[in-house]
Amino acid sequence: MKVDVLLGLQWGDEGKGKIVDVLAPAYDVVARFQGGPNAGHTIEFDGKKFVLHTIPSGIFNPKTINLIGNGVIIDPFILKKEINKLSHSNVDAISNLFVSRKAHLILPSHRLIDAASEASRGVSKIGSTLKGIGPTYTDKMSRCGIRVGDTMLKDFDQRYQSLKSKHLQIVNQFGFEYREHLIDGLLYEEYEARWFESLDLLKKLHHVDSEYFIHDKLKHGKKVLAEGAQGTLLDIDFGSYPYVTSSNTTIAGVCSGLGIAPSNIGKVIGVFKAYCTRVGSGPFPTELFDETGEKMRKNGNEFGSTTGRPRRCGWLDLPALKYAVMLNGVTELVMMKADVLDDFDQLKIAVAYHDISGKKIDYLPYEACFETLEPVYMPIAGWNKSIRVGKNPNKLPVEFSEYLKFIDQETGIRISMVSTGPDRDQIIHM
């Protein structure tokens, strides 16, 4: 057996959680492989709405094991809140939730460094979610981080205090008054106390060596789906640096974040929106600043599931999508939120760019990280009617089918599913 992978092809918020939830019954294991609570995977069914930040999106299928891999970073406080919310909705989020011993922990002082660093940037802010993601990954690479397995060691408190002391020195260098800073509505010392209380729950979860765990499942013929967070264009190496996240959101992150070989990767399912959105700072060639962009935001309820910030909206960027398809070796595409465009008379797709010198290019260049690219648009007829036509793809509007066909042809990858609404049942298999 091989590990199938599902990941985002844009700047995150593509709707990955919904598709994982739809696919989960066909898999024995769903495994998150990177990122942390800066992710927000939204799932809706039976009139209920759930937002997952750390727990894999297969949690709603009681027969599916959910694994938080070694590439994920965990804030015990946020994880406990997530588990409690699920429990209040009669979702068992403990019995089939497994955690890698090698996953790193986000300390309260990591969040202080994040806030202090972002505040010091002034107008040059990178748009951090202030969840401590960057500082935690920094400690991981600096070989001084604390991992889940360390919580069971006798000298854990000493390790914690030593790293905390180092962090507070950094915060003081920024001139940041951390005692008055609120973290999730709590003063630092209050948050830290709650963090330690949450650690008790984390210790009770199933701790595993996730690399052995995954290989054992594959050896016994079990089906595994790897779930990515954020999106390809936020990858630390291949995204719009420095306006990126701190992990590999591409296919490479699967190998390092779960401990599997490239030869063990099967299908690669790439999820994208019928248009583009982005939260926070950074380049966005097709961004719309007019009433059309506002209409997209309103129709799509485009507000961050983690931060609540309004998302920037714009037309579909084909060169960027093709770039993501290439990087990840995508084998099938899933289009999300196509229904948001139901009442548009005409659409546009960026098929190329003009760079700063005026040269026309059909790829995403290095300069895209710091130069403004002018999109070259191709007009597309809107379908101007609802695509919520049940499960039969033959009932879709002709204009919408042409929209899909054009993307299929340009990317060379078939669109296997189309989402026609937020609920898990609003899916058309193509």
Protein backbone atom coordinates (compact mmCIF):
# COMPACT_ATOMS: atom_id res chain seq x y z
CA MET A 1 0.00 0.00 0.00
CA LYS A 2 0.99 3.61 -0.55
CA VAL A 3 0.14 6.85 1.25
CA ASP A 4 -2.26 9.10 -0.64
CA VAL A 5 -1.77 12.83 -0.09
CA LEU A 6 -4.18 15.76 -0.02
CA LEU A 7 -2.80 19.28 0.03
CA GLY A 8 -3.61 22.86 -0.94
CA LEU A 9 -2.44 24.47 -4.17
CA GLN A 10 -2.93 28.15 -3.35
CA TRP A 11 -2.36 30.34 -0.24
CA GLY A 12 -4.30 28.04 2.08
CA ASP A 13 -8.02 28.19 2.94
CA GLU A 14 -8.81 26.05 -0.11
CA GLY A 15 -11.25 23.78 1.74
CA LYS A 16 -8.98 20.80 2.40
CA GLY A 17 -10.73 19.82 5.62
CA LYS A 18 -14.05 19.24 3.90
CA ILE A 19 -12.50 16.95 1.29
CA VAL A 20 -10.57 14.96 3.90
CA ASP A 21 -13.84 14.53 5.80
CA VAL A 22 -15.55 13.33 2.60
CA LEU A 23 -12.75 10.86 1.83
CA ALA A 24 -12.11 9.65 5.40
CA PRO A 25 -14.52 6.66 5.31
CA ALA A 26 -12.35 5.15 2.56
CA TYR A 27 -9.18 5.35 4.71
CA ASP A 28 -8.00 3.60 7.84
CA VAL A 29 -5.68 6.44 8.88
CA VAL A 30 -5.70 10.20 8.30
CA ALA A 31 -2.37 11.83 9.23
CA ARG A 32 -1.49 15.53 9.49
CA PHE A 33 2.10 16.02 8.36
CA GLN A 34 3.02 19.68 8.98
CA GLY A 35 1.90 23.04 10.31
CA GLY A 36 0.24 23.83 13.58
CA PRO A 37 -2.75 25.67 15.03
CA ASN A 38 -2.30 28.41 12.43
CA ALA A 39 -4.32 26.06 10.21
CA GLY A 40 -8.11 26.13 10.24
CA HIS A 41 -9.94 23.29 8.52
CA THR A 42 -13.70 23.89 8.43
CA ILE A 43 -16.16 21.00 8.20
CA GLU A 44 -19.96 21.27 8.08
CA PHE A 45 -22.62 18.58 8.29
CA ASP A 46 -26.00 18.00 9.94
CA GLY A 47 -26.38 21.73 10.48
CA LYS A 48 -23.19 21.89 12.55
CA LYS A 49 -19.92 23.65 11.83
CA PHE A 50 -16.52 22.58 13.17
CA VAL A 51 -13.11 24.24 12.81
CA LEU A 52 -10.07 22.01 13.39
CA HIS A 53 -6.65 23.51 14.06
CA THR A 54 -4.46 20.55 15.04
CA ILE A 55 -6.61 17.42 14.92
CA PRO A 56 -6.78 15.70 11.50
CA SER A 57 -10.05 16.11 9.60
CA GLY A 58 -10.83 12.40 9.68
CA ILE A 59 -11.87 12.70 13.33
CA PHE A 60 -15.59 12.63 12.51
CA ASN A 61 -15.37 9.12 11.10
CA PRO A 62 -15.25 6.81 14.17
CA LYS A 63 -13.54 4.03 12.22
CA THR A 64 -10.62 6.21 11.10
CA ILE A 65 -7.44 6.55 13.14
CA ASN A 66 -6.16 10.13 13.25
CA LEU A 67 -2.44 10.79 13.60
CA ILE A 68 -0.68 14.06 14.40
CA GLY A 69 2.68 13.51 12.73
CA ASN A 70 6.17 14.55 13.76
CA GLY A 71 6.13 17.48 11.32
CA VAL A 72 3.24 19.11 13.18
CA ILE A 73 3.79 21.52 16.07
CA ILE A 74 1.32 21.39 18.94
CA ASP A 75 0.02 23.93 21.43
CA PRO A 76 -1.47 21.81 24.25
CA PHE A 77 -3.79 24.64 25.30
CA ILE A 78 -5.31 24.96 21.83
CA LEU A 79 -5.46 21.18 21.40
CA LYS A 80 -7.38 20.76 24.66
CA LYS A 81 -9.92 23.43 23.66
CA GLU A 82 -10.36 21.65 20.34
CA ILE A 83 -10.91 18.27 22.00
CA ASN A 84 -13.39 19.76 24.49
CA LYS A 85 -15.43 21.43 21.74
CA LEU A 86 -15.66 18.14 19.87
CA SER A 87 -16.62 16.30 23.05
CA HIS A 88 -19.44 18.77 23.69
CA SER A 89 -20.81 17.77 20.26
CA ASN A 90 -20.54 14.08 21.15
CA VAL A 91 -17.48 13.55 18.95
CA ASP A 92 -14.91 11.22 20.51
CA ALA A 93 -11.63 12.98 19.83
CA ILE A 94 -9.46 10.93 22.17
CA SER A 95 -9.84 7.19 21.58
CA ASN A 96 -8.68 7.29 17.95
CA LEU A 97 -6.27 10.25 18.18
CA PHE A 98 -2.56 9.38 18.08
CA VAL A 99 0.35 11.81 18.49
CA SER A 100 3.96 11.47 17.37
CA ARG A 101 6.49 11.58 20.18
CA LYS A 102 8.71 13.60 17.85
CA ALA A 103 6.17 16.42 17.31
CA HIS A 104 7.42 19.71 18.79
CA LEU A 105 5.53 21.76 21.37
CA ILE A 106 4.58 25.42 21.13
CA LEU A 107 5.43 26.98 24.48
CA PRO A 108 3.65 30.09 25.81
CA SER A 109 6.94 31.95 25.42
CA HIS A 110 7.05 31.01 21.73
CA ARG A 111 3.86 33.02 21.31
CA LEU A 112 5.47 35.97 23.10
CA ILE A 113 8.39 35.94 20.68
CA ASP A 114 5.97 35.79 17.76
CA ALA A 115 4.03 38.82 19.03
CA ALA A 116 7.17 40.80 19.86
CA SER A 117 8.76 40.07 16.49
CA GLU A 118 5.65 40.98 14.51
CA ALA A 119 5.15 44.20 16.49
CA SER A 120 8.75 45.24 15.81
CA ARG A 121 8.22 44.99 12.03
CA GLY A 122 5.81 47.91 11.92
CA VAL A 123 4.44 48.36 8.40
CA SER A 124 6.56 45.42 7.21
CA LYS A 125 4.51 42.84 9.12
CA ILE A 126 4.39 39.42 7.46
CA GLY A 127 0.86 38.71 8.67
CA SER A 128 1.68 36.16 11.37
CA THR A 129 -1.25 34.42 13.08
CA LEU A 130 0.65 34.97 16.36
CA LYS A 131 0.32 31.30 17.27
CA GLY A 132 4.06 30.87 17.87
CA ILE A 133 4.59 28.89 14.67
CA GLY A 134 7.79 30.55 13.42
CA PRO A 135 9.60 30.62 16.79
CA THR A 136 8.75 26.95 17.42
CA TYR A 137 10.09 25.83 14.05
CA THR A 138 13.15 28.05 14.68
CA ASP A 139 13.87 26.18 17.91
CA LYS A 140 13.34 22.90 16.10
CA MET A 141 15.99 23.80 13.54
CA SER A 142 18.26 25.23 16.25
CA ARG A 143 18.04 21.85 18.03
CA CYS A 144 16.75 23.26 21.29
CA GLY A 145 13.02 22.57 20.97
CA ILE A 146 10.85 20.50 23.26
CA ARG A 147 8.97 17.50 21.87
CA VAL A 148 5.91 15.57 22.96
CA GLY A 149 8.07 12.68 24.15
CA ASP A 150 10.02 15.02 26.42
CA THR A 151 6.93 15.61 28.57
CA MET A 152 7.35 12.11 30.00
CA LEU A 153 10.98 12.66 31.07
CA LYS A 154 11.98 13.34 34.66
CA ASP A 155 13.83 16.53 33.75
CA PHE A 156 10.98 18.01 31.68
CA ASP A 157 10.42 20.97 34.05
CA GLN A 158 14.10 21.83 33.91
CA ARG A 159 14.07 21.70 30.10
CA TYR A 160 10.98 23.88 30.01
CA GLN A 161 12.34 26.54 32.38
CA SER A 162 15.68 26.66 30.55
CA LEU A 163 14.03 27.29 27.17
CA LYS A 164 11.53 29.73 28.65
CA SER A 165 14.39 31.76 30.17
CA LYS A 166 16.07 31.95 26.77
CA HIS A 167 12.82 33.10 25.17
CA LEU A 168 12.20 35.86 27.71
CA GLN A 169 15.67 37.24 27.05
CA ILE A 170 14.75 37.51 23.36
CA VAL A 171 11.43 39.17 24.18
CA ASN A 172 13.17 41.69 26.43
CA GLN A 173 15.57 42.55 23.62
CA PHE A 174 12.57 43.63 21.56
CA GLY A 175 11.50 45.91 24.43
CA PHE A 176 8.22 44.03 24.53
CA GLU A 177 6.26 44.23 27.80
CA TYR A 178 5.05 40.66 27.87
CA ARG A 179 3.33 40.78 31.27
CA GLU A 180 0.64 43.05 29.82
CA HIS A 181 0.30 41.09 26.58
CA LEU A 182 -2.82 38.96 26.16
CA ILE A 183 -2.61 35.47 24.65
CA ASP A 184 -6.05 34.19 23.68
CA GLY A 185 -7.52 36.71 26.11
CA LEU A 186 -5.29 35.71 29.02
CA LEU A 187 -2.31 37.42 30.61
CA TYR A 188 0.93 35.51 30.08
CA GLU A 189 1.13 33.91 33.53
CA GLU A 190 -2.55 32.89 33.36
CA TYR A 191 -2.02 31.40 29.92
CA GLU A 192 1.06 29.53 31.09
CA ALA A 193 -0.87 28.01 34.01
CA ARG A 194 -3.64 26.88 31.66
CA TRP A 195 -0.99 25.53 29.26
CA PHE A 196 0.39 23.25 31.98
CA GLU A 197 -3.12 22.08 32.86
CA SER A 198 -3.63 21.21 29.18
CA LEU A 199 -0.38 19.27 29.16
CA ASP A 200 -2.02 16.67 31.39
CA LEU A 201 -4.51 15.84 28.63
CA LEU A 202 -1.78 15.65 26.00
CA LYS A 203 0.08 13.12 28.16
CA LYS A 204 -3.02 10.87 28.21
CA LEU A 205 -3.25 10.62 24.42
CA HIS A 206 -1.73 7.73 22.47
CA HIS A 207 1.96 8.61 21.97
CA VAL A 208 3.61 6.73 19.10
CA ASP A 209 6.75 6.66 17.01
CA SER A 210 4.80 7.81 13.98
CA GLU A 211 7.27 6.61 11.36
CA TYR A 212 6.97 3.03 12.62
CA PHE A 213 3.26 3.48 13.17
CA ILE A 214 2.64 4.47 9.52
CA HIS A 215 4.86 1.74 8.08
CA ASP A 216 3.16 -0.90 10.22
CA LYS A 217 -0.25 0.20 8.92
CA LEU A 218 0.96 0.07 5.32
CA LYS A 219 2.57 -3.34 5.90
CA HIS A 220 -0.80 -4.69 7.00
CA GLY A 221 -2.62 -3.30 3.97
CA LYS A 222 -4.21 -0.29 5.66
CA LYS A 223 -5.08 2.82 3.62
CA VAL A 224 -3.45 6.07 4.74
CA LEU A 225 -4.32 9.64 3.72
CA ALA A 226 -1.82 12.40 4.52
CA GLU A 227 -3.49 15.76 5.19
CA GLY A 228 -1.64 19.00 4.53
CA ALA A 229 -2.22 22.41 6.11
CA GLN A 230 -1.88 25.90 4.59
CA GLY A 231 -1.09 25.84 0.84
CA THR A 232 1.73 25.39 -1.67
CA LEU A 233 2.24 29.13 -2.20
CA LEU A 234 2.98 29.48 1.53
CA ASP A 235 5.77 26.86 1.47
CA ILE A 236 8.93 28.01 3.25
CA ASP A 237 11.07 27.17 0.20
CA PHE A 238 8.76 27.59 -2.78
CA GLY A 239 6.19 30.12 -1.58
CA SER A 240 6.20 33.94 -1.79
CA TYR A 241 9.06 34.30 0.70
CA PRO A 242 9.21 35.90 3.26
CA TYR A 243 5.41 36.04 3.36
CA VAL A 244 5.15 32.32 3.96
CA THR A 245 4.64 29.84 6.77
CA SER A 246 7.52 28.05 8.49
CA SER A 247 7.09 24.52 7.13
CA ASN A 248 7.10 22.63 3.85
CA THR A 249 3.48 22.67 2.73
CA THR A 250 4.33 20.81 -0.48
CA ILE A 251 4.71 17.08 -1.13
CA ALA A 252 8.20 17.20 0.39
CA GLY A 253 6.65 17.83 3.79
CA VAL A 254 4.90 14.46 3.68
CA CYS A 255 8.18 12.53 3.72
CA SER A 256 9.81 14.56 6.49
CA GLY A 257 6.58 15.11 8.43
CA LEU A 258 5.53 11.46 8.64
CA GLY A 259 8.74 9.51 8.02
CA ILE A 260 7.86 7.86 4.73
CA ALA A 261 9.91 7.42 1.56
CA PRO A 262 8.95 9.15 -1.71
CA SER A 263 8.39 5.72 -3.25
CA ASN A 264 5.58 5.17 -0.72
CA ILE A 265 3.48 8.08 -2.03
CA GLY A 266 0.44 7.17 -4.12
CA LYS A 267 -2.22 9.60 -5.33
CA VAL A 268 -1.65 13.32 -4.85
CA ILE A 269 -4.93 15.20 -4.59
CA GLY A 270 -4.58 18.96 -5.09
CA VAL A 271 -7.32 21.21 -3.72
CA PHE A 272 -7.93 24.70 -5.11
CA LYS A 273 -10.64 27.34 -5.14
CA ALA A 274 -12.40 28.45 -8.32
CA TYR A 275 -10.88 31.86 -7.54
CA CYS A 276 -8.03 32.94 -5.24
CA THR A 277 -7.83 34.22 -1.67
CA ARG A 278 -5.05 35.17 0.68
CA VAL A 279 -4.88 36.18 4.36
CA GLY A 280 -2.18 38.52 5.62
CA SER A 281 0.57 40.29 3.72
CA GLY A 282 2.43 39.23 0.59
CA PRO A 283 2.14 39.37 -3.21
CA PHE A 284 -1.17 38.48 -4.84
CA PRO A 285 -1.10 39.26 -8.59
CA THR A 286 -4.83 38.81 -9.28
CA GLU A 287 -6.11 40.57 -6.16
CA LEU A 288 -9.22 42.68 -6.69
CA PHE A 289 -9.72 45.94 -4.83
CA ASP A 290 -13.10 46.77 -6.33
CA GLU A 291 -16.72 45.75 -5.83
CA THR A 292 -16.04 42.47 -7.67
CA GLY A 293 -13.53 41.45 -5.00
CA GLU A 294 -15.92 42.52 -2.28
CA LYS A 295 -18.67 40.46 -3.89
CA MET A 296 -16.40 37.38 -3.85
CA ARG A 297 -15.65 37.99 -0.18
CA LYS A 298 -19.33 38.36 0.69
CA ASN A 299 -20.53 35.42 -1.42
CA GLY A 300 -17.79 33.14 -0.11
CA ASN A 301 -17.84 34.36 3.50
CA GLU A 302 -14.13 34.87 3.11
CA PHE A 303 -12.92 35.45 6.63
CA GLY A 304 -10.04 33.48 8.17
CA SER A 305 -11.18 30.44 10.17
CA THR A 306 -8.18 30.87 12.49
CA THR A 307 -7.80 34.66 12.70
CA GLY A 308 -11.19 35.96 11.57
CA ARG A 309 -9.40 38.42 9.29
CA PRO A 310 -11.09 39.27 5.98
CA ARG A 311 -9.43 37.40 3.13
CA ARG A 312 -8.10 39.19 0.09
CA CYS A 313 -9.90 37.96 -3.03
CA GLY A 314 -9.05 37.76 -6.72
CA TRP A 315 -9.43 35.81 -9.95
CA LEU A 316 -7.99 32.35 -10.51
CA ASP A 317 -4.23 32.51 -11.19
CA LEU A 318 -3.42 29.77 -13.71
CA PRO A 319 0.40 30.12 -13.80
CA ALA A 320 0.47 29.85 -10.00
CA LEU A 321 -1.86 26.85 -10.09
CA LYS A 322 0.26 25.10 -12.71
CA TYR A 323 3.35 25.83 -10.61
CA ALA A 324 1.73 24.13 -7.60
CA VAL A 325 0.65 21.16 -9.72
CA MET A 326 4.22 20.76 -10.97
CA LEU A 327 5.85 20.99 -7.53
CA ASN A 328 3.55 18.43 -5.97
CA GLY A 329 3.17 15.94 -8.80
CA VAL A 330 -0.60 16.31 -8.52
CA THR A 331 -2.55 13.38 -9.98
CA GLU A 332 -6.08 14.79 -9.55
CA LEU A 333 -7.67 18.15 -8.79
CA VAL A 334 -10.56 19.14 -6.55
CA MET A 335 -12.28 22.50 -7.15
CA MET A 336 -13.81 24.23 -4.14
CA LYS A 337 -16.31 27.08 -3.72
CA ALA A 338 -17.30 27.22 -7.38
CA ASP A 339 -20.80 28.17 -6.21
CA VAL A 340 -19.41 31.52 -5.00
CA LEU A 341 -19.20 32.56 -8.68
CA ASP A 342 -22.77 31.51 -9.52
CA ASP A 343 -24.06 35.06 -9.99
CA PHE A 344 -21.18 36.49 -12.03
CA ASP A 345 -21.98 37.40 -15.63
CA GLN A 346 -18.36 37.17 -16.70
CA LEU A 347 -15.20 35.77 -15.12
CA LYS A 348 -11.51 36.20 -15.74
CA ILE A 349 -8.56 33.80 -15.47
CA ALA A 350 -4.96 34.99 -15.34
CA VAL A 351 -3.13 32.98 -18.01
CA ALA A 352 0.19 34.87 -17.92
CA TYR A 353 1.91 37.92 -16.41
CA HIS A 354 3.76 41.01 -17.54
CA ASP A 355 6.86 41.39 -15.38
CA ILE A 356 8.32 44.72 -14.26
CA SER A 357 10.07 45.15 -17.63
CA GLY A 358 6.85 44.53 -19.54
CA LYS A 359 7.90 41.08 -20.74
CA LYS A 360 5.08 38.55 -21.01
CA ILE A 361 5.74 35.32 -19.09
CA ASP A 362 3.58 32.26 -18.41
CA TYR A 363 5.34 31.02 -15.26
CA LEU A 364 5.81 32.15 -11.67
CA PRO A 365 9.27 33.79 -11.50
CA TYR A 366 11.58 34.34 -8.54
CA GLU A 367 10.78 38.05 -8.77
CA ALA A 368 7.16 37.32 -7.87
CA CYS A 369 8.24 37.44 -4.23
CA PHE A 370 9.06 41.15 -4.32
CA GLU A 371 7.89 42.61 -7.65
CA THR A 372 4.37 43.38 -8.78
CA LEU A 373 3.36 41.13 -11.65
CA GLU A 374 0.60 42.40 -13.91
CA PRO A 375 -1.78 39.56 -14.76
CA VAL A 376 -2.76 38.87 -18.35
CA TYR A 377 -6.41 37.87 -18.25
CA MET A 378 -8.56 35.73 -20.46
CA PRO A 379 -12.30 36.43 -20.17
CA ILE A 380 -14.57 33.48 -19.45
CA ALA A 381 -18.35 33.46 -19.73
CA GLY A 382 -20.06 33.15 -16.36
CA TRP A 383 -22.79 30.56 -15.88
CA ASN A 384 -24.97 33.02 -13.91
CA LYS A 385 -27.05 30.25 -12.35
CA SER A 386 -26.76 27.83 -9.45
CA ILE A 387 -24.48 24.82 -9.78
CA ARG A 388 -26.25 23.11 -6.88
CA VAL A 389 -27.81 20.54 -9.15
CA GLY A 390 -27.47 17.46 -6.96
CA LYS A 391 -24.89 14.78 -7.68
CA ASN A 392 -25.22 14.52 -11.46
CA PRO A 393 -22.40 16.33 -13.31
CA ASN A 394 -24.42 16.21 -16.54
CA LYS A 395 -26.84 18.74 -15.04
CA LEU A 396 -24.16 21.39 -14.54
CA PRO A 397 -24.47 24.59 -16.62
CA VAL A 398 -22.66 24.38 -19.95
CA GLU A 399 -20.58 27.47 -19.16
CA PHE A 400 -19.39 25.95 -15.89
CA SER A 401 -18.45 22.72 -17.63
CA GLU A 402 -16.39 24.78 -20.09
CA TYR A 403 -14.66 26.49 -17.15
CA LEU A 404 -13.69 23.07 -15.78
CA LYS A 405 -12.61 21.80 -19.19
CA PHE A 406 -10.31 24.78 -19.72
CA ILE A 407 -8.56 24.22 -16.37
CA ASP A 408 -8.27 20.48 -17.09
CA GLN A 409 -6.59 21.20 -20.42
CA GLU A 410 -4.25 23.91 -19.13
CA THR A 411 -3.02 21.96 -16.11
CA GLY A 412 -3.07 18.54 -17.77
CA ILE A 413 -4.78 17.16 -14.67
CA ARG A 414 -8.42 16.10 -14.41
CA ILE A 415 -10.79 17.68 -11.91
CA SER A 416 -12.24 14.70 -10.03
CA MET A 417 -14.54 16.53 -7.61
CA VAL A 418 -16.36 19.86 -7.45
CA SER A 419 -17.69 21.35 -4.23
CA THR A 420 -21.01 23.16 -4.63
CA GLY A 421 -21.49 24.32 -1.04
CA PRO A 422 -20.06 24.12 2.49
CA ASP A 423 -21.78 20.91 3.62
CA ARG A 424 -20.01 17.55 3.24
CA ASP A 425 -22.87 16.33 1.02
CA GLN A 426 -22.47 19.19 -1.45
CA ILE A 427 -19.95 17.40 -3.66
CA ILE A 428 -20.16 16.31 -7.30
CA HIS A 429 -17.90 13.45 -8.34
CA MET A 430 -16.88 14.15 -11.94
